[in-house]
Amino acid sequence: MKVKGDKMKKTMILIILATIMLGVLNSQEEVVLIPKDAIRFRVIAASDKEKDQVLKKKVASSLQQELKETMLTATTLKDSRDKLQNKVPQFKENIERTLSQSKSDTTYDIDYGTHYFPEKKYKGVVYEEGMYESLVVTLGNGKGKNFWCVLFPPLCLLEAEEKKETEEVEYKSFVKEMIDKYFH
């Protein structure tokens, strides 16, 4: 009887260890390296106050629609850069219109260039910190939380489309597919 009991204990220990190992493997965050050729988009709120965060979302949302129209026709990195640089005056008009409609006197700055991005964790994916080519809108003194996404390849623009079609979006595989499509 003791042999059966020992065998049962060993089996239970193996099952528990296997369960723990699967849990550890499945809980590790995935690190996605956004290629250096990617172009990011960022809107930084004036502060973390609710009104400033709401304004940030309004500005980001209105610009995303215009960016979608601009970027979805871009086929290369150079084409994307050219289109973004040429559209900065229209982006300014869009921001001013959004601020006016929101009855906000918040100042802003818009810059297309190379900017620092801190590490970001989103839906189990870690995006490394670093200097990235980007279109950055800073509202007020830019001390608040920010909205950001990847414009080229058009990850945030296509993700927004995908979210309209379905409630559940598997972002990790979507990011990998888009990076593979544009950079491999």
C-alpha atoms as a PDB file:
ATOM      1  CA  MET A   1       0.000   0.000   0.000  1.00  0.00           C
ATOM      2  CA  LYS A   2       2.888   2.338   0.762  1.00  0.00           C
ATOM      3  CA  VAL A   3       4.163   2.038  -2.853  1.00  0.00           C
ATOM      4  CA  LYS A   4       0.790   3.201  -4.194  1.00  0.00           C
ATOM      5  CA  GLY A   5       0.748   6.125  -1.756  1.00  0.00           C
ATOM      6  CA  ASP A   6       4.281   7.183  -2.736  1.00  0.00           C
ATOM      7  CA  LYS A   7       3.408   6.915  -6.413  1.00  0.00           C
ATOM      8  CA  MET A   8       0.282   9.020  -5.822  1.00  0.00           C
ATOM      9  CA  LYS A   9       2.315  11.671  -3.948  1.00  0.00           C
ATOM     10  CA  LYS A  10       4.871  11.831  -6.784  1.00  0.00           C
ATOM     11  CA  THR A  11       2.102  12.152  -9.361  1.00  0.00           C
ATOM     12  CA  MET A  12       0.439  14.961  -7.381  1.00  0.00           C
ATOM     13  CA  ILE A  13       3.754  16.780  -6.984  1.00  0.00           C
ATOM     14  CA  LEU A  14       4.397  16.511 -10.731  1.00  0.00           C
ATOM     15  CA  ILE A  15       0.924  17.847 -11.509  1.00  0.00           C
ATOM     16  CA  ILE A  16       1.389  20.764  -9.119  1.00  0.00           C
ATOM     17  CA  LEU A  17       4.855  21.568 -10.547  1.00  0.00           C
ATOM     18  CA  ALA A  18       3.541  21.387 -14.124  1.00  0.00           C
ATOM     19  CA  THR A  19       0.677  23.723 -13.220  1.00  0.00           C
ATOM     20  CA  ILE A  20       3.061  26.194 -11.595  1.00  0.00           C
ATOM     21  CA  MET A  21       5.413  26.085 -14.588  1.00  0.00           C
ATOM     22  CA  LEU A  22       2.556  26.704 -17.025  1.00  0.00           C
ATOM     23  CA  GLY A  23       1.372  29.605 -14.901  1.00  0.00           C
ATOM     24  CA  VAL A  24       4.842  31.161 -14.829  1.00  0.00           C
ATOM     25  CA  LEU A  25       5.338  30.720 -18.573  1.00  0.00           C
ATOM     26  CA  ASN A  26       1.930  32.161 -19.410  1.00  0.00           C
ATOM     27  CA  SER A  27       2.273  35.132 -17.050  1.00  0.00           C
ATOM     28  CA  GLN A  28       5.540  36.465 -18.435  1.00  0.00           C
ATOM     29  CA  GLU A  29       5.154  39.703 -20.351  1.00  0.00           C
ATOM     30  CA  GLU A  30       5.958  39.703 -24.007  1.00  0.00           C
ATOM     31  CA  VAL A  31       8.535  42.229 -25.147  1.00  0.00           C
ATOM     32  CA  VAL A  32       7.773  43.621 -28.578  1.00  0.00           C
ATOM     33  CA  LEU A  33      10.525  45.564 -30.218  1.00  0.00           C
ATOM     34  CA  ILE A  34       9.022  48.240 -32.382  1.00  0.00           C
ATOM     35  CA  PRO A  35      11.387  48.623 -35.318  1.00  0.00           C
ATOM     36  CA  LYS A  36      13.513  51.769 -35.348  1.00  0.00           C
ATOM     37  CA  ASP A  37      11.865  52.630 -38.691  1.00  0.00           C
ATOM     38  CA  ALA A  38       8.470  52.919 -37.020  1.00  0.00           C
ATOM     39  CA  ILE A  39       6.765  56.294 -36.592  1.00  0.00           C
ATOM     40  CA  ARG A  40       4.870  56.905 -33.377  1.00  0.00           C
ATOM     41  CA  PHE A  41       2.108  59.341 -32.456  1.00  0.00           C
ATOM     42  CA  ARG A  42       1.728  60.823 -28.997  1.00  0.00           C
ATOM     43  CA  VAL A  43      -0.593  63.303 -27.281  1.00  0.00           C
ATOM     44  CA  ILE A  44       0.554  64.420 -23.830  1.00  0.00           C
ATOM     45  CA  ALA A  45      -2.038  65.908 -21.479  1.00  0.00           C
ATOM     46  CA  ALA A  46      -1.391  69.128 -19.571  1.00  0.00           C
ATOM     47  CA  SER A  47      -1.920  67.272 -16.269  1.00  0.00           C
ATOM     48  CA  ASP A  48      -3.591  64.224 -14.797  1.00  0.00           C
ATOM     49  CA  LYS A  49      -6.687  66.226 -13.839  1.00  0.00           C
ATOM     50  CA  GLU A  50      -9.836  64.713 -15.317  1.00  0.00           C
ATOM     51  CA  LYS A  51     -10.580  67.725 -17.557  1.00  0.00           C
ATOM     52  CA  ASP A  52      -7.071  67.592 -19.043  1.00  0.00           C
ATOM     53  CA  GLN A  53      -7.266  63.856 -19.624  1.00  0.00           C
ATOM     54  CA  VAL A  54     -10.654  64.270 -21.344  1.00  0.00           C
ATOM     55  CA  LEU A  55      -9.193  67.015 -23.538  1.00  0.00           C
ATOM     56  CA  LYS A  56      -6.211  64.799 -24.419  1.00  0.00           C
ATOM     57  CA  LYS A  57      -8.591  62.043 -25.536  1.00  0.00           C
ATOM     58  CA  LYS A  58     -10.602  64.490 -27.662  1.00  0.00           C
ATOM     59  CA  VAL A  59      -7.467  65.819 -29.375  1.00  0.00           C
ATOM     60  CA  ALA A  60      -6.085  62.315 -29.928  1.00  0.00           C
ATOM     61  CA  SER A  61      -9.395  61.072 -31.302  1.00  0.00           C
ATOM     62  CA  SER A  62      -9.869  63.957 -33.724  1.00  0.00           C
ATOM     63  CA  LEU A  63      -6.285  63.654 -34.955  1.00  0.00           C
ATOM     64  CA  GLN A  64      -6.531  59.890 -35.315  1.00  0.00           C
ATOM     65  CA  GLN A  65      -9.292  60.253 -37.881  1.00  0.00           C
ATOM     66  CA  GLU A  66      -7.213  62.688 -39.922  1.00  0.00           C
ATOM     67  CA  LEU A  67      -4.081  60.574 -39.460  1.00  0.00           C
ATOM     68  CA  LYS A  68      -5.953  57.489 -40.623  1.00  0.00           C
ATOM     69  CA  GLU A  69      -6.914  59.213 -43.858  1.00  0.00           C
ATOM     70  CA  THR A  70      -3.315  60.387 -44.289  1.00  0.00           C
ATOM     71  CA  MET A  71      -1.422  57.234 -43.338  1.00  0.00           C
ATOM     72  CA  LEU A  72      -3.507  54.445 -44.811  1.00  0.00           C
ATOM     73  CA  THR A  73      -2.503  55.552 -48.300  1.00  0.00           C
ATOM     74  CA  ALA A  74       1.197  55.709 -47.410  1.00  0.00           C
ATOM     75  CA  THR A  75       3.088  52.697 -48.697  1.00  0.00           C
ATOM     76  CA  THR A  76       6.654  53.382 -47.604  1.00  0.00           C
ATOM     77  CA  LEU A  77       8.435  54.974 -44.683  1.00  0.00           C
ATOM     78  CA  LYS A  78       9.517  57.927 -46.840  1.00  0.00           C
ATOM     79  CA  ASP A  79       5.973  58.389 -48.132  1.00  0.00           C
ATOM     80  CA  SER A  80       4.706  58.349 -44.526  1.00  0.00           C
ATOM     81  CA  ARG A  81       7.275  60.938 -43.447  1.00  0.00           C
ATOM     82  CA  ASP A  82       6.453  63.230 -46.355  1.00  0.00           C
ATOM     83  CA  LYS A  83       2.714  63.014 -45.762  1.00  0.00           C
ATOM     84  CA  LEU A  84       3.056  63.704 -42.048  1.00  0.00           C
ATOM     85  CA  GLN A  85       5.380  66.673 -42.517  1.00  0.00           C
ATOM     86  CA  ASN A  86       3.133  68.178 -45.196  1.00  0.00           C
ATOM     87  CA  LYS A  87       0.008  67.781 -43.052  1.00  0.00           C
ATOM     88  CA  VAL A  88       1.322  69.485 -39.883  1.00  0.00           C
ATOM     89  CA  PRO A  89      -0.525  72.769 -40.735  1.00  0.00           C
ATOM     90  CA  GLN A  90      -3.811  70.833 -41.102  1.00  0.00           C
ATOM     91  CA  PHE A  91      -3.104  68.971 -37.838  1.00  0.00           C
ATOM     92  CA  LYS A  92      -2.677  72.376 -36.133  1.00  0.00           C
ATOM     93  CA  GLU A  93      -6.044  73.509 -37.497  1.00  0.00           C
ATOM     94  CA  ASN A  94      -7.595  70.272 -36.231  1.00  0.00           C
ATOM     95  CA  ILE A  95      -6.150  70.790 -32.732  1.00  0.00           C
ATOM     96  CA  GLU A  96      -7.270  74.435 -32.637  1.00  0.00           C
ATOM     97  CA  ARG A  97     -10.773  73.430 -33.754  1.00  0.00           C
ATOM     98  CA  THR A  98     -10.934  70.703 -31.090  1.00  0.00           C
ATOM     99  CA  LEU A  99      -9.717  73.080 -28.360  1.00  0.00           C
ATOM    100  CA  SER A 100     -12.215  75.725 -29.478  1.00  0.00           C
ATOM    101  CA  GLN A 101     -15.119  73.252 -29.539  1.00  0.00           C
ATOM    102  CA  SER A 102     -14.080  72.128 -26.049  1.00  0.00           C
ATOM    103  CA  LYS A 103     -14.041  75.767 -24.897  1.00  0.00           C
ATOM    104  CA  SER A 104     -10.451  75.297 -23.782  1.00  0.00           C
ATOM    105  CA  ASP A 105      -7.745  77.936 -23.733  1.00  0.00           C
ATOM    106  CA  THR A 106      -5.045  75.284 -23.294  1.00  0.00           C
ATOM    107  CA  THR A 107      -1.910  75.990 -25.277  1.00  0.00           C
ATOM    108  CA  TYR A 108      -0.303  73.285 -27.372  1.00  0.00           C
ATOM    109  CA  ASP A 109       2.807  72.396 -29.289  1.00  0.00           C
ATOM    110  CA  ILE A 110       3.043  69.989 -32.207  1.00  0.00           C
ATOM    111  CA  ASP A 111       6.353  68.602 -33.395  1.00  0.00           C
ATOM    112  CA  TYR A 112       7.383  65.995 -35.918  1.00  0.00           C
ATOM    113  CA  GLY A 113      10.853  64.694 -35.111  1.00  0.00           C
ATOM    114  CA  THR A 114      12.715  62.379 -32.761  1.00  0.00           C
ATOM    115  CA  HIS A 115      11.345  62.191 -29.217  1.00  0.00           C
ATOM    116  CA  TYR A 116      11.905  60.159 -26.067  1.00  0.00           C
ATOM    117  CA  PHE A 117       9.292  57.550 -25.144  1.00  0.00           C
ATOM    118  CA  PRO A 118       9.336  55.839 -21.750  1.00  0.00           C
ATOM    119  CA  GLU A 119       8.795  52.082 -21.455  1.00  0.00           C
ATOM    120  CA  LYS A 120       5.137  51.253 -21.923  1.00  0.00           C
ATOM    121  CA  LYS A 121       3.196  48.141 -20.921  1.00  0.00           C
ATOM    122  CA  TYR A 122      -0.042  47.581 -22.783  1.00  0.00           C
ATOM    123  CA  LYS A 123      -2.155  44.415 -22.824  1.00  0.00           C
ATOM    124  CA  GLY A 124       0.735  42.268 -21.610  1.00  0.00           C
ATOM    125  CA  VAL A 125       3.155  43.678 -24.178  1.00  0.00           C
ATOM    126  CA  VAL A 126       6.216  45.703 -23.149  1.00  0.00           C
ATOM    127  CA  TYR A 127       7.363  48.443 -25.506  1.00  0.00           C
ATOM    128  CA  GLU A 128      10.942  49.515 -24.859  1.00  0.00           C
ATOM    129  CA  GLU A 129      11.898  53.057 -23.971  1.00  0.00           C
ATOM    130  CA  GLY A 130      13.984  55.036 -26.383  1.00  0.00           C
ATOM    131  CA  MET A 131      14.171  57.795 -28.945  1.00  0.00           C
ATOM    132  CA  TYR A 132      11.604  57.349 -31.709  1.00  0.00           C
ATOM    133  CA  GLU A 133      10.584  59.228 -34.812  1.00  0.00           C
ATOM    134  CA  SER A 134       7.202  60.625 -33.935  1.00  0.00           C
ATOM    135  CA  LEU A 135       4.476  63.220 -34.207  1.00  0.00           C
ATOM    136  CA  VAL A 136       4.026  64.626 -30.698  1.00  0.00           C
ATOM    137  CA  VAL A 137       1.307  66.981 -29.477  1.00  0.00           C
ATOM    138  CA  THR A 138       1.917  68.492 -26.054  1.00  0.00           C
ATOM    139  CA  LEU A 139      -1.047  70.146 -24.360  1.00  0.00           C
ATOM    140  CA  GLY A 140      -0.204  72.859 -21.834  1.00  0.00           C
ATOM    141  CA  ASN A 141       3.012  72.032 -20.016  1.00  0.00           C
ATOM    142  CA  GLY A 142       2.717  68.304 -20.818  1.00  0.00           C
ATOM    143  CA  LYS A 143       2.822  66.992 -17.240  1.00  0.00           C
ATOM    144  CA  GLY A 144      -0.013  64.481 -17.621  1.00  0.00           C
ATOM    145  CA  LYS A 145      -0.472  60.944 -18.846  1.00  0.00           C
ATOM    146  CA  ASN A 146      -0.244  60.477 -22.562  1.00  0.00           C
ATOM    147  CA  PHE A 147      -1.899  58.672 -25.414  1.00  0.00           C
ATOM    148  CA  TRP A 148       0.435  57.018 -27.913  1.00  0.00           C
ATOM    149  CA  CYS A 149       0.376  54.575 -30.772  1.00  0.00           C
ATOM    150  CA  VAL A 150       2.315  53.520 -33.841  1.00  0.00           C
ATOM    151  CA  LEU A 151       1.502  55.322 -37.113  1.00  0.00           C
ATOM    152  CA  PHE A 152       3.889  53.452 -39.382  1.00  0.00           C
ATOM    153  CA  PRO A 153       3.191  50.672 -39.717  1.00  0.00           C
ATOM    154  CA  PRO A 154      -0.347  51.942 -39.042  1.00  0.00           C
ATOM    155  CA  LEU A 155      -0.936  49.784 -35.929  1.00  0.00           C
ATOM    156  CA  CYS A 156      -3.112  52.179 -33.960  1.00  0.00           C
ATOM    157  CA  LEU A 157      -5.138  53.171 -36.992  1.00  0.00           C
ATOM    158  CA  LEU A 158      -5.839  49.592 -38.003  1.00  0.00           C
ATOM    159  CA  GLU A 159      -6.407  48.526 -34.393  1.00  0.00           C
ATOM    160  CA  ALA A 160      -9.088  51.223 -34.116  1.00  0.00           C
ATOM    161  CA  GLU A 161     -10.790  49.809 -37.213  1.00  0.00           C
ATOM    162  CA  GLU A 162     -10.559  46.291 -35.810  1.00  0.00           C
ATOM    163  CA  LYS A 163     -12.099  47.400 -32.497  1.00  0.00           C
ATOM    164  CA  LYS A 164     -15.135  48.698 -34.367  1.00  0.00           C
ATOM    165  CA  GLU A 165     -15.674  45.268 -35.897  1.00  0.00           C
ATOM    166  CA  THR A 166     -15.306  43.202 -32.728  1.00  0.00           C
ATOM    167  CA  GLU A 167     -15.142  43.664 -28.989  1.00  0.00           C
ATOM    168  CA  GLU A 168     -12.197  41.313 -28.459  1.00  0.00           C
ATOM    169  CA  VAL A 169      -8.952  42.272 -30.196  1.00  0.00           C
ATOM    170  CA  GLU A 170      -5.871  40.131 -29.706  1.00  0.00           C
ATOM    171  CA  TYR A 171      -3.392  42.997 -29.728  1.00  0.00           C
ATOM    172  CA  LYS A 172      -0.245  40.930 -29.311  1.00  0.00           C
ATOM    173  CA  SER A 173      -0.756  38.905 -32.469  1.00  0.00           C
ATOM    174  CA  PHE A 174      -2.000  41.982 -34.322  1.00  0.00           C
ATOM    175  CA  VAL A 175       1.188  43.892 -33.477  1.00  0.00           C
ATOM    176  CA  LYS A 176       3.360  40.999 -34.575  1.00  0.00           C
ATOM    177  CA  GLU A 177       1.433  40.594 -37.833  1.00  0.00           C
ATOM    178  CA  MET A 178       1.770  44.281 -38.683  1.00  0.00           C
ATOM    179  CA  ILE A 179       5.460  44.428 -37.824  1.00  0.00           C
ATOM    180  CA  ASP A 180       6.067  41.301 -39.890  1.00  0.00           C
ATOM    181  CA  LYS A 181       4.068  42.748 -42.778  1.00  0.00           C
ATOM    182  CA  TYR A 182       5.970  46.024 -42.922  1.00  0.00           C
ATOM    183  CA  PHE A 183       9.452  45.036 -41.789  1.00  0.00           C
ATOM    184  CA  HIS A 184      10.142  41.406 -42.780  1.00  0.00           C
END
